[in-house]
Amino acid sequence: MANEIALLGATEIREIASRLELRPAKSMGQNFVIDGNSCQKIVRVAGVTSDDLVLEIGPGLGSLSLAILQAGAKLVAVEIDNRLANELANTLRSHNCVADTFTVINKDALSVNELGEFPTKLVANLPYNISVPVLLHILAKFPSITSGVVMVQTEVAERLAAKSGSKIYGIPSAKAAWWADLSLGGTISRSVFWPVPNVDSSLVKFHRHQPLGSEVERNLTFTVIDQAFSQRRKMLRSVLADLCGGNSQAESILNTIGIDPTLRGESLTIHDFLKIASALAKK
């Protein structure tokens, strides 16, 4: 039963790591959560229930995995490290997790395009170095995921949740908004990690909304976003000139769709970027 599942503590985590001769790798963003209460907090913020099939990216030694299963959900965990993937299944079984409630996949999350199942939530402690690409990839490839929580570096969390008009609003904020509404979900102390990172961590919550357009429209919209933020200090009429065929053409297109050509990228919402992309498609 879910309520019999025990969480990992710091001592057991270090014992598992020692047995595996594992030294957390900075290159892979490996900072393992050693505090069960923090894992339960993440699961609560994500609103995980027994009705959910949760996708977890980078489960590591299984701290968060156990908290997800403790909540009664089923779990699909994607782990790139072969040693960790093999050990995770053993850890889950030894902590009273029923075999048919979890699946462990040993792959790079960025190469996973289908799971054979349809996860409903994403709950993950994402490696700092690839957190944004992984989140965008999962949102793009798994439309069955309607909501979730990811733990990332606080600076990244604030950028992801930023709204247009903010100084930290940029490419991650705009692209993530294509699929979902994002907001901050609280902070996580450095002390709950092993090894202790030299950056702060925060939770980002998201709820998927209706698609804004087709995949063709998304690709063109993302091209516009990349261009708009390629030189943040430049006005739209200048920075979009290459896409539009010149400054005057860019100014004309922007005026036609009701967007001030003297604005900068951080002033535009995802809907504005889509309007520009749609206008370019008609050129």
Foldseek 3Di string as FASTA:
>chain_A
DLQQFDAAAPVVVVVLCVVLVHDADLVQLDWAFHDLVVLLLQCVLFVQALVFEEEEEACFQPRNVSSNVSRNAAYEYEHQDPSNLVNNLVVCVVRPRDNVRYHYHHHDLLPDQDDVDAGQEYEYAHRAVCVLVSLLSCLVRHVNHFKYKYKYFPLVQCQCQDAFPDPSDALSVQSVVQFWHKDWDAWDDQVRIVPRDPTTMTMMIIGTDDHPDDPVLSVLLSVLRCQLVVPQVAFQLVSCCVLQVGSVSRCVLCVVLPHHRRHGSSNDHNVSSSSSSVSSVVD
